[in-house]
Amino acid sequence: MSATHTDAGEPGFRITGWHVLAAVCAFFAVVIAVDASFTVMALRTFPGQVSVTPYEDGLLYNQRIAQEEAQAKLGWRAAAEVAPGLVVLTVQDAAGRPLRGLTVTGRLERPATESGRRTPRFIETAPGRYEGATSAIEGAWDLTAEAVDAAGRRFVAERRLTWR
């Protein structure tokens, strides 16, 4: 014969439907609170506005396409590199010859923000080689360089540069 012991007088803790409901509600409340805080932080750091004049940019889109087609017909090529305190731009024609006498302007911007924009002044230091002085900068920067020859032909090059 075996003896069994039951404590009918002491009920102990039991999980009821109310406990499960409270746990599920608490879980979703935490998820919603975290999502809301991440959304607020994201909107504060980047409001989503890429351009101050999006409508005008859209109107100029066809002009940009025409400029890119004209640039492709030129066959010019540009290479950009970095040196301490310098941006070096090398421009060649379709045959690989250096292009001399260009007026080169440029703009350096951070990839994620417009703060800290710089405009180096480019000077031709050798045939087809143009150097623009920058102050001591570090990290990744986007270069937009525009070269114009004496005939008014325009070439735009965009490159991502990294200083270490």
N, C-alpha and C. Protein backbone atom coordinates (compact mmCIF):
# COMPACT_ATOMS: atom_id res chain seq x y z
N MET A 1 0.82 -1.17 0.00
CA MET A 1 0.00 0.00 0.00
C MET A 1 0.87 1.24 0.00
N SER A 2 0.51 2.22 -0.76
CA SER A 2 1.30 3.45 -0.86
C SER A 2 0.52 4.60 -0.25
N ALA A 3 1.26 5.46 0.33
CA ALA A 3 0.63 6.60 0.98
C ALA A 3 0.81 7.83 0.10
N THR A 4 -0.21 8.57 -0.10
CA THR A 4 -0.14 9.83 -0.84
C THR A 4 -0.48 10.96 0.11
N HIS A 5 0.18 12.03 -0.14
CA HIS A 5 -0.02 13.18 0.75
C HIS A 5 -0.51 14.34 -0.10
N THR A 6 -1.58 14.95 0.23
CA THR A 6 -2.10 16.12 -0.45
C THR A 6 -2.32 17.22 0.56
N ASP A 7 -1.94 18.46 0.12
CA ASP A 7 -2.16 19.62 0.97
C ASP A 7 -3.36 20.36 0.42
N ALA A 8 -4.49 19.90 0.70
CA ALA A 8 -5.71 20.53 0.18
C ALA A 8 -5.97 21.86 0.84
N GLY A 9 -5.41 22.08 2.01
CA GLY A 9 -5.66 23.30 2.72
C GLY A 9 -4.79 24.46 2.24
N GLU A 10 -3.63 24.19 1.59
CA GLU A 10 -2.72 25.24 1.13
C GLU A 10 -2.75 25.29 -0.39
N PRO A 11 -3.41 26.30 -0.99
CA PRO A 11 -3.58 26.30 -2.44
C PRO A 11 -2.30 26.61 -3.22
N GLY A 12 -1.32 27.39 -2.78
CA GLY A 12 -0.11 27.71 -3.53
C GLY A 12 -0.41 28.68 -4.68
N PHE A 13 0.61 28.95 -5.50
CA PHE A 13 0.45 29.89 -6.61
C PHE A 13 0.05 29.14 -7.87
N ARG A 14 -0.97 29.66 -8.54
CA ARG A 14 -1.43 29.08 -9.80
C ARG A 14 -1.52 30.19 -10.83
N ILE A 15 -1.09 29.88 -12.06
CA ILE A 15 -1.21 30.85 -13.15
C ILE A 15 -2.62 30.77 -13.69
N THR A 16 -3.27 31.92 -13.65
CA THR A 16 -4.64 31.98 -14.15
C THR A 16 -4.67 32.77 -15.44
N GLY A 17 -5.81 32.86 -16.02
CA GLY A 17 -6.00 33.63 -17.25
C GLY A 17 -5.64 35.10 -17.08
N TRP A 18 -5.88 35.65 -15.90
CA TRP A 18 -5.55 37.05 -15.63
C TRP A 18 -4.04 37.26 -15.62
N HIS A 19 -3.30 36.30 -15.12
CA HIS A 19 -1.84 36.41 -15.13
C HIS A 19 -1.30 36.41 -16.55
N VAL A 20 -1.83 35.52 -17.38
CA VAL A 20 -1.40 35.45 -18.78
C VAL A 20 -1.75 36.74 -19.50
N LEU A 21 -2.95 37.25 -19.27
CA LEU A 21 -3.35 38.51 -19.90
C LEU A 21 -2.43 39.66 -19.48
N ALA A 22 -2.10 39.74 -18.21
CA ALA A 22 -1.21 40.80 -17.72
C ALA A 22 0.19 40.66 -18.32
N ALA A 23 0.70 39.45 -18.44
CA ALA A 23 2.03 39.24 -19.02
C ALA A 23 2.06 39.63 -20.49
N VAL A 24 1.03 39.26 -21.25
CA VAL A 24 0.98 39.62 -22.68
C VAL A 24 0.85 41.13 -22.84
N CYS A 25 0.02 41.77 -22.04
CA CYS A 25 -0.13 43.23 -22.12
C CYS A 25 1.17 43.93 -21.74
N ALA A 26 1.87 43.44 -20.73
CA ALA A 26 3.15 44.04 -20.33
C ALA A 26 4.19 43.87 -21.42
N PHE A 27 4.23 42.71 -22.06
CA PHE A 27 5.17 42.48 -23.16
C PHE A 27 4.94 43.48 -24.29
N PHE A 28 3.70 43.60 -24.73
CA PHE A 28 3.42 44.52 -25.83
C PHE A 28 3.61 45.98 -25.42
N ALA A 29 3.38 46.31 -24.17
CA ALA A 29 3.62 47.68 -23.71
C ALA A 29 5.11 48.01 -23.79
N VAL A 30 5.98 47.06 -23.44
CA VAL A 30 7.42 47.28 -23.54
C VAL A 30 7.83 47.43 -25.00
N VAL A 31 7.31 46.56 -25.88
CA VAL A 31 7.65 46.64 -27.31
C VAL A 31 7.21 47.99 -27.89
N ILE A 32 6.01 48.42 -27.59
CA ILE A 32 5.51 49.70 -28.10
C ILE A 32 6.33 50.87 -27.56
N ALA A 33 6.71 50.83 -26.30
CA ALA A 33 7.51 51.91 -25.71
C ALA A 33 8.89 51.99 -26.37
N VAL A 34 9.52 50.85 -26.60
CA VAL A 34 10.82 50.85 -27.25
C VAL A 34 10.70 51.36 -28.68
N ASP A 35 9.71 50.88 -29.43
CA ASP A 35 9.51 51.35 -30.81
C ASP A 35 9.25 52.86 -30.85
N ALA A 36 8.44 53.36 -29.94
CA ALA A 36 8.13 54.79 -29.91
C ALA A 36 9.39 55.61 -29.61
N SER A 37 10.21 55.13 -28.66
CA SER A 37 11.42 55.90 -28.34
C SER A 37 12.41 55.87 -29.50
N PHE A 38 12.55 54.74 -30.20
CA PHE A 38 13.44 54.69 -31.36
C PHE A 38 12.93 55.59 -32.49
N THR A 39 11.62 55.64 -32.68
CA THR A 39 11.05 56.51 -33.71
C THR A 39 11.32 57.97 -33.39
N VAL A 40 11.14 58.36 -32.14
CA VAL A 40 11.40 59.75 -31.74
C VAL A 40 12.88 60.09 -31.94
N MET A 41 13.78 59.19 -31.53
CA MET A 41 15.21 59.45 -31.71
C MET A 41 15.58 59.56 -33.19
N ALA A 42 14.99 58.71 -34.03
CA ALA A 42 15.29 58.74 -35.46
C ALA A 42 14.82 60.05 -36.09
N LEU A 43 13.64 60.49 -35.73
CA LEU A 43 13.11 61.73 -36.31
C LEU A 43 13.86 62.96 -35.83
N ARG A 44 14.38 62.92 -34.63
CA ARG A 44 15.16 64.06 -34.13
C ARG A 44 16.51 64.16 -34.82
N THR A 45 17.12 63.03 -35.15
CA THR A 45 18.45 63.07 -35.75
C THR A 45 18.41 63.25 -37.26
N PHE A 46 17.36 62.79 -37.95
CA PHE A 46 17.24 62.98 -39.39
C PHE A 46 15.77 63.14 -39.74
N PRO A 47 15.34 64.36 -40.06
CA PRO A 47 13.92 64.59 -40.30
C PRO A 47 13.42 64.05 -41.64
N GLY A 48 14.33 63.56 -42.50
CA GLY A 48 13.91 63.00 -43.77
C GLY A 48 13.99 63.97 -44.93
N GLN A 49 14.31 65.21 -44.67
CA GLN A 49 14.39 66.20 -45.72
C GLN A 49 15.78 66.15 -46.36
N VAL A 50 15.83 65.77 -47.64
CA VAL A 50 17.09 65.67 -48.35
C VAL A 50 17.42 66.98 -49.04
N SER A 51 16.41 67.65 -49.55
CA SER A 51 16.61 68.89 -50.27
C SER A 51 15.69 69.96 -49.71
N VAL A 52 16.18 71.18 -49.69
CA VAL A 52 15.36 72.29 -49.23
C VAL A 52 14.36 72.70 -50.31
N THR A 53 14.71 72.43 -51.57
CA THR A 53 13.86 72.81 -52.70
C THR A 53 13.54 71.58 -53.56
N PRO A 54 12.76 70.61 -53.06
CA PRO A 54 12.52 69.39 -53.84
C PRO A 54 11.75 69.63 -55.13
N TYR A 55 10.80 70.56 -55.15
CA TYR A 55 10.02 70.82 -56.36
C TYR A 55 10.92 71.38 -57.46
N GLU A 56 11.74 72.36 -57.10
CA GLU A 56 12.65 72.95 -58.09
C GLU A 56 13.66 71.93 -58.57
N ASP A 57 14.13 71.06 -57.68
CA ASP A 57 15.05 70.01 -58.09
C ASP A 57 14.41 69.08 -59.11
N GLY A 58 13.13 68.78 -58.92
CA GLY A 58 12.42 67.94 -59.88
C GLY A 58 12.29 68.60 -61.24
N LEU A 59 12.08 69.90 -61.25
CA LEU A 59 11.97 70.61 -62.53
C LEU A 59 13.30 70.61 -63.28
N LEU A 60 14.42 70.61 -62.54
CA LEU A 60 15.74 70.63 -63.17
C LEU A 60 16.25 69.24 -63.55
N TYR A 61 15.46 68.19 -63.28
CA TYR A 61 15.91 66.83 -63.51
C TYR A 61 16.23 66.58 -64.99
N ASN A 62 15.39 67.07 -65.90
CA ASN A 62 15.65 66.86 -67.33
C ASN A 62 16.93 67.56 -67.77
N GLN A 63 17.22 68.71 -67.20
CA GLN A 63 18.48 69.38 -67.51
C GLN A 63 19.66 68.55 -67.04
N ARG A 64 19.51 67.92 -65.89
CA ARG A 64 20.60 67.09 -65.38
C ARG A 64 20.82 65.88 -66.29
N ILE A 65 19.74 65.27 -66.77
CA ILE A 65 19.88 64.13 -67.68
C ILE A 65 20.59 64.57 -68.96
N ALA A 66 20.22 65.73 -69.51
CA ALA A 66 20.88 66.24 -70.72
C ALA A 66 22.35 66.51 -70.47
N GLN A 67 22.69 67.05 -69.31
CA GLN A 67 24.09 67.33 -68.99
C GLN A 67 24.86 66.02 -68.87
N GLU A 68 24.29 64.98 -68.27
CA GLU A 68 24.97 63.70 -68.15
C GLU A 68 25.17 63.04 -69.51
N GLU A 69 24.21 63.19 -70.42
CA GLU A 69 24.38 62.64 -71.76
C GLU A 69 25.49 63.38 -72.51
N ALA A 70 25.55 64.70 -72.39
CA ALA A 70 26.62 65.47 -73.04
C ALA A 70 27.97 65.09 -72.44
N GLN A 71 28.02 64.86 -71.15
CA GLN A 71 29.25 64.47 -70.48
C GLN A 71 29.70 63.09 -70.96
N ALA A 72 28.77 62.18 -71.16
CA ALA A 72 29.12 60.84 -71.65
C ALA A 72 29.70 60.91 -73.05
N LYS A 73 29.20 61.82 -73.88
CA LYS A 73 29.73 61.98 -75.24
C LYS A 73 31.16 62.52 -75.22
N LEU A 74 31.49 63.34 -74.23
CA LEU A 74 32.86 63.86 -74.13
C LEU A 74 33.86 62.73 -73.89
N GLY A 75 33.48 61.77 -73.08
CA GLY A 75 34.37 60.66 -72.77
C GLY A 75 35.45 60.98 -71.76
N TRP A 76 35.33 62.10 -71.10
CA TRP A 76 36.33 62.47 -70.10
C TRP A 76 36.23 61.53 -68.90
N ARG A 77 37.36 61.34 -68.24
CA ARG A 77 37.41 60.52 -67.03
C ARG A 77 38.14 61.30 -65.95
N ALA A 78 37.72 61.04 -64.72
CA ALA A 78 38.36 61.71 -63.58
C ALA A 78 38.66 60.67 -62.50
N ALA A 79 39.78 60.87 -61.86
CA ALA A 79 40.15 60.05 -60.71
C ALA A 79 40.48 60.99 -59.57
N ALA A 80 40.05 60.61 -58.40
CA ALA A 80 40.31 61.45 -57.23
C ALA A 80 41.03 60.62 -56.18
N GLU A 81 41.95 61.27 -55.50
CA GLU A 81 42.66 60.62 -54.40
C GLU A 81 42.92 61.64 -53.31
N VAL A 82 43.30 61.12 -52.16
CA VAL A 82 43.54 62.00 -51.02
C VAL A 82 45.01 61.98 -50.65
N ALA A 83 45.43 63.07 -50.10
CA ALA A 83 46.75 63.21 -49.50
C ALA A 83 46.53 64.05 -48.25
N PRO A 84 47.47 64.05 -47.33
CA PRO A 84 47.26 64.85 -46.12
C PRO A 84 47.01 66.33 -46.47
N GLY A 85 45.82 66.80 -46.17
CA GLY A 85 45.47 68.19 -46.43
C GLY A 85 45.19 68.52 -47.88
N LEU A 86 45.05 67.50 -48.75
CA LEU A 86 44.84 67.74 -50.19
C LEU A 86 43.80 66.80 -50.78
N VAL A 87 43.12 67.31 -51.80
CA VAL A 87 42.31 66.49 -52.71
C VAL A 87 43.00 66.59 -54.06
N VAL A 88 43.31 65.45 -54.66
CA VAL A 88 43.99 65.43 -55.94
C VAL A 88 43.03 64.87 -56.98
N LEU A 89 42.78 65.64 -58.03
CA LEU A 89 41.88 65.24 -59.10
C LEU A 89 42.68 65.17 -60.39
N THR A 90 42.60 64.03 -61.06
CA THR A 90 43.27 63.84 -62.34
C THR A 90 42.20 63.68 -63.40
N VAL A 91 42.26 64.51 -64.46
CA VAL A 91 41.24 64.50 -65.51
C VAL A 91 41.91 64.17 -66.84
N GLN A 92 41.29 63.20 -67.57
CA GLN A 92 41.81 62.76 -68.87
C GLN A 92 40.70 62.81 -69.90
N ASP A 93 41.10 62.95 -71.17
CA ASP A 93 40.12 62.91 -72.24
C ASP A 93 39.84 61.45 -72.62
N ALA A 94 39.06 61.25 -73.69
CA ALA A 94 38.66 59.90 -74.10
C ALA A 94 39.85 59.05 -74.51
N ALA A 95 40.92 59.68 -75.01
CA ALA A 95 42.12 58.95 -75.44
C ALA A 95 43.10 58.71 -74.28
N GLY A 96 42.79 59.20 -73.10
CA GLY A 96 43.67 59.01 -71.95
C GLY A 96 44.72 60.10 -71.78
N ARG A 97 44.64 61.16 -72.57
CA ARG A 97 45.58 62.29 -72.44
C ARG A 97 45.10 63.23 -71.34
N PRO A 98 46.02 63.80 -70.59
CA PRO A 98 45.61 64.74 -69.53
C PRO A 98 44.98 65.99 -70.12
N LEU A 99 43.96 66.48 -69.47
CA LEU A 99 43.28 67.70 -69.91
C LEU A 99 43.87 68.89 -69.16
N ARG A 100 44.40 69.83 -69.92
CA ARG A 100 45.05 71.01 -69.33
C ARG A 100 44.13 72.22 -69.38
N GLY A 101 44.42 73.15 -68.50
CA GLY A 101 43.74 74.45 -68.54
C GLY A 101 42.28 74.44 -68.13
N LEU A 102 41.85 73.46 -67.36
CA LEU A 102 40.47 73.42 -66.90
C LEU A 102 40.28 74.32 -65.68
N THR A 103 39.09 74.85 -65.54
CA THR A 103 38.71 75.54 -64.32
C THR A 103 37.96 74.53 -63.47
N VAL A 104 38.55 74.15 -62.35
CA VAL A 104 37.98 73.10 -61.50
C VAL A 104 37.51 73.70 -60.19
N THR A 105 36.25 73.42 -59.87
CA THR A 105 35.70 73.80 -58.57
C THR A 105 35.23 72.53 -57.89
N GLY A 106 35.14 72.57 -56.58
CA GLY A 106 34.74 71.37 -55.86
C GLY A 106 34.02 71.67 -54.58
N ARG A 107 33.38 70.62 -54.08
CA ARG A 107 32.65 70.73 -52.81
C ARG A 107 32.83 69.41 -52.07
N LEU A 108 33.23 69.48 -50.83
CA LEU A 108 33.35 68.31 -49.96
C LEU A 108 32.24 68.36 -48.92
N GLU A 109 31.51 67.24 -48.79
CA GLU A 109 30.43 67.15 -47.81
C GLU A 109 30.52 65.81 -47.10
N ARG A 110 30.06 65.79 -45.88
CA ARG A 110 29.94 64.53 -45.16
C ARG A 110 28.82 63.71 -45.80
N PRO A 111 28.96 62.39 -45.86
CA PRO A 111 27.92 61.57 -46.51
C PRO A 111 26.55 61.66 -45.84
N ALA A 112 26.50 61.84 -44.53
CA ALA A 112 25.21 61.77 -43.83
C ALA A 112 24.65 63.13 -43.44
N THR A 113 25.41 64.20 -43.59
CA THR A 113 24.92 65.50 -43.15
C THR A 113 25.53 66.59 -44.02
N GLU A 114 24.90 67.74 -44.00
CA GLU A 114 25.44 68.86 -44.76
C GLU A 114 26.31 69.77 -43.91
N SER A 115 26.44 69.48 -42.64
CA SER A 115 27.27 70.32 -41.79
C SER A 115 28.74 70.07 -42.10
N GLY A 116 29.53 71.11 -42.03
CA GLY A 116 30.96 70.99 -42.28
C GLY A 116 31.34 71.01 -43.75
N ARG A 117 30.47 71.50 -44.60
CA ARG A 117 30.76 71.55 -46.04
C ARG A 117 32.00 72.40 -46.30
N ARG A 118 32.84 71.94 -47.23
CA ARG A 118 34.07 72.66 -47.58
C ARG A 118 34.16 72.82 -49.08
N THR A 119 34.80 73.91 -49.50
CA THR A 119 34.97 74.16 -50.93
C THR A 119 36.45 74.40 -51.22
N PRO A 120 37.18 73.34 -51.53
CA PRO A 120 38.61 73.52 -51.83
C PRO A 120 38.80 74.24 -53.16
N ARG A 121 39.87 75.02 -53.25
CA ARG A 121 40.23 75.71 -54.50
C ARG A 121 41.25 74.86 -55.23
N PHE A 122 40.93 74.46 -56.44
CA PHE A 122 41.80 73.58 -57.21
C PHE A 122 42.75 74.38 -58.09
N ILE A 123 44.00 73.94 -58.09
CA ILE A 123 45.05 74.57 -58.90
C ILE A 123 45.72 73.46 -59.70
N GLU A 124 45.98 73.74 -60.98
CA GLU A 124 46.66 72.75 -61.82
C GLU A 124 48.14 72.73 -61.46
N THR A 125 48.61 71.60 -60.96
CA THR A 125 50.02 71.46 -60.55
C THR A 125 50.85 70.71 -61.58
N ALA A 126 50.20 69.98 -62.45
CA ALA A 126 50.84 69.24 -63.54
C ALA A 126 49.77 69.08 -64.62
N PRO A 127 50.15 68.71 -65.84
CA PRO A 127 49.13 68.54 -66.89
C PRO A 127 48.05 67.53 -66.46
N GLY A 128 46.83 68.01 -66.35
CA GLY A 128 45.70 67.16 -65.99
C GLY A 128 45.59 66.85 -64.52
N ARG A 129 46.48 67.37 -63.70
CA ARG A 129 46.45 67.11 -62.26
C ARG A 129 46.09 68.41 -61.53
N TYR A 130 45.01 68.34 -60.76
CA TYR A 130 44.49 69.51 -60.05
C TYR A 130 44.44 69.18 -58.56
N GLU A 131 45.01 70.07 -57.75
CA GLU A 131 45.07 69.86 -56.31
C GLU A 131 44.27 70.94 -55.60
N GLY A 132 43.49 70.50 -54.62
CA GLY A 132 42.72 71.43 -53.81
C GLY A 132 43.09 71.25 -52.35
N ALA A 133 43.45 72.34 -51.72
CA ALA A 133 43.86 72.28 -50.31
C ALA A 133 42.64 72.16 -49.41
N THR A 134 42.78 71.30 -48.42
CA THR A 134 41.75 71.18 -47.38
C THR A 134 42.46 71.32 -46.04
N SER A 135 41.73 71.72 -45.07
CA SER A 135 42.33 71.73 -43.73
C SER A 135 42.43 70.28 -43.26
N ALA A 136 42.98 70.08 -42.12
CA ALA A 136 43.14 68.72 -41.60
C ALA A 136 41.77 68.11 -41.37
N ILE A 137 41.39 67.15 -42.21
CA ILE A 137 40.09 66.48 -42.06
C ILE A 137 40.32 64.98 -41.98
N GLU A 138 39.34 64.30 -41.41
CA GLU A 138 39.41 62.86 -41.27
C GLU A 138 38.09 62.25 -41.67
N GLY A 139 38.11 60.96 -41.96
CA GLY A 139 36.89 60.22 -42.22
C GLY A 139 36.45 60.29 -43.67
N ALA A 140 35.20 59.91 -43.91
CA ALA A 140 34.64 59.83 -45.25
C ALA A 140 34.00 61.16 -45.64
N TRP A 141 34.27 61.57 -46.87
CA TRP A 141 33.72 62.79 -47.44
C TRP A 141 33.29 62.51 -48.88
N ASP A 142 32.23 63.18 -49.33
CA ASP A 142 31.80 63.09 -50.72
C ASP A 142 32.30 64.31 -51.47
N LEU A 143 33.03 64.05 -52.56
CA LEU A 143 33.56 65.13 -53.40
C LEU A 143 32.68 65.27 -54.63
N THR A 144 32.25 66.49 -54.91
CA THR A 144 31.60 66.83 -56.17
C THR A 144 32.48 67.86 -56.84
N ALA A 145 33.14 67.44 -57.93
CA ALA A 145 34.06 68.33 -58.64
C ALA A 145 33.49 68.64 -60.02
N GLU A 146 33.62 69.90 -60.42
CA GLU A 146 33.14 70.33 -61.73
C GLU A 146 34.31 70.96 -62.49
N ALA A 147 34.56 70.43 -63.68
CA ALA A 147 35.65 70.94 -64.52
C ALA A 147 35.04 71.53 -65.80
N VAL A 148 35.49 72.73 -66.15
CA VAL A 148 35.00 73.42 -67.34
C VAL A 148 36.21 73.82 -68.16
N ASP A 149 36.16 73.51 -69.48
CA ASP A 149 37.28 73.90 -70.35
C ASP A 149 36.99 75.26 -70.99
N ALA A 150 37.91 75.72 -71.82
CA ALA A 150 37.79 77.04 -72.44
C ALA A 150 36.59 77.13 -73.38
N ALA A 151 36.16 76.00 -73.95
CA ALA A 151 35.01 75.98 -74.85
C ALA A 151 33.69 75.92 -74.10
N GLY A 152 33.73 75.86 -72.77
CA GLY A 152 32.51 75.83 -71.97
C GLY A 152 31.96 74.43 -71.74
N ARG A 153 32.69 73.40 -72.17
CA ARG A 153 32.24 72.03 -71.93
C ARG A 153 32.43 71.71 -70.44
N ARG A 154 31.41 71.10 -69.89
CA ARG A 154 31.37 70.88 -68.44
C ARG A 154 31.42 69.39 -68.12
N PHE A 155 32.19 69.05 -67.08
CA PHE A 155 32.31 67.67 -66.62
C PHE A 155 32.16 67.66 -65.11
N VAL A 156 31.27 66.81 -64.60
CA VAL A 156 31.03 66.71 -63.16
C VAL A 156 31.39 65.30 -62.71
N ALA A 157 32.19 65.23 -61.67
CA ALA A 157 32.58 63.94 -61.10
C ALA A 157 32.22 63.91 -59.62
N GLU A 158 31.69 62.79 -59.20
CA GLU A 158 31.34 62.61 -57.79
C GLU A 158 32.07 61.38 -57.27
N ARG A 159 32.78 61.54 -56.18
CA ARG A 159 33.57 60.45 -55.61
C ARG A 159 33.46 60.49 -54.09
N ARG A 160 33.58 59.31 -53.47
CA ARG A 160 33.66 59.23 -52.01
C ARG A 160 35.13 59.06 -51.65
N LEU A 161 35.63 59.96 -50.81
CA LEU A 161 37.03 59.95 -50.39
C LEU A 161 37.12 59.70 -48.90
N THR A 162 38.21 59.06 -48.48
CA THR A 162 38.40 58.77 -47.07
C THR A 162 39.79 59.16 -46.64
N TRP A 163 39.86 60.04 -45.64
CA TRP A 163 41.13 60.40 -45.02
C TRP A 163 41.27 59.57 -43.76
N ARG A 164 42.47 59.11 -43.48
CA ARG A 164 42.71 58.30 -42.27
C ARG A 164 43.59 59.04 -41.31
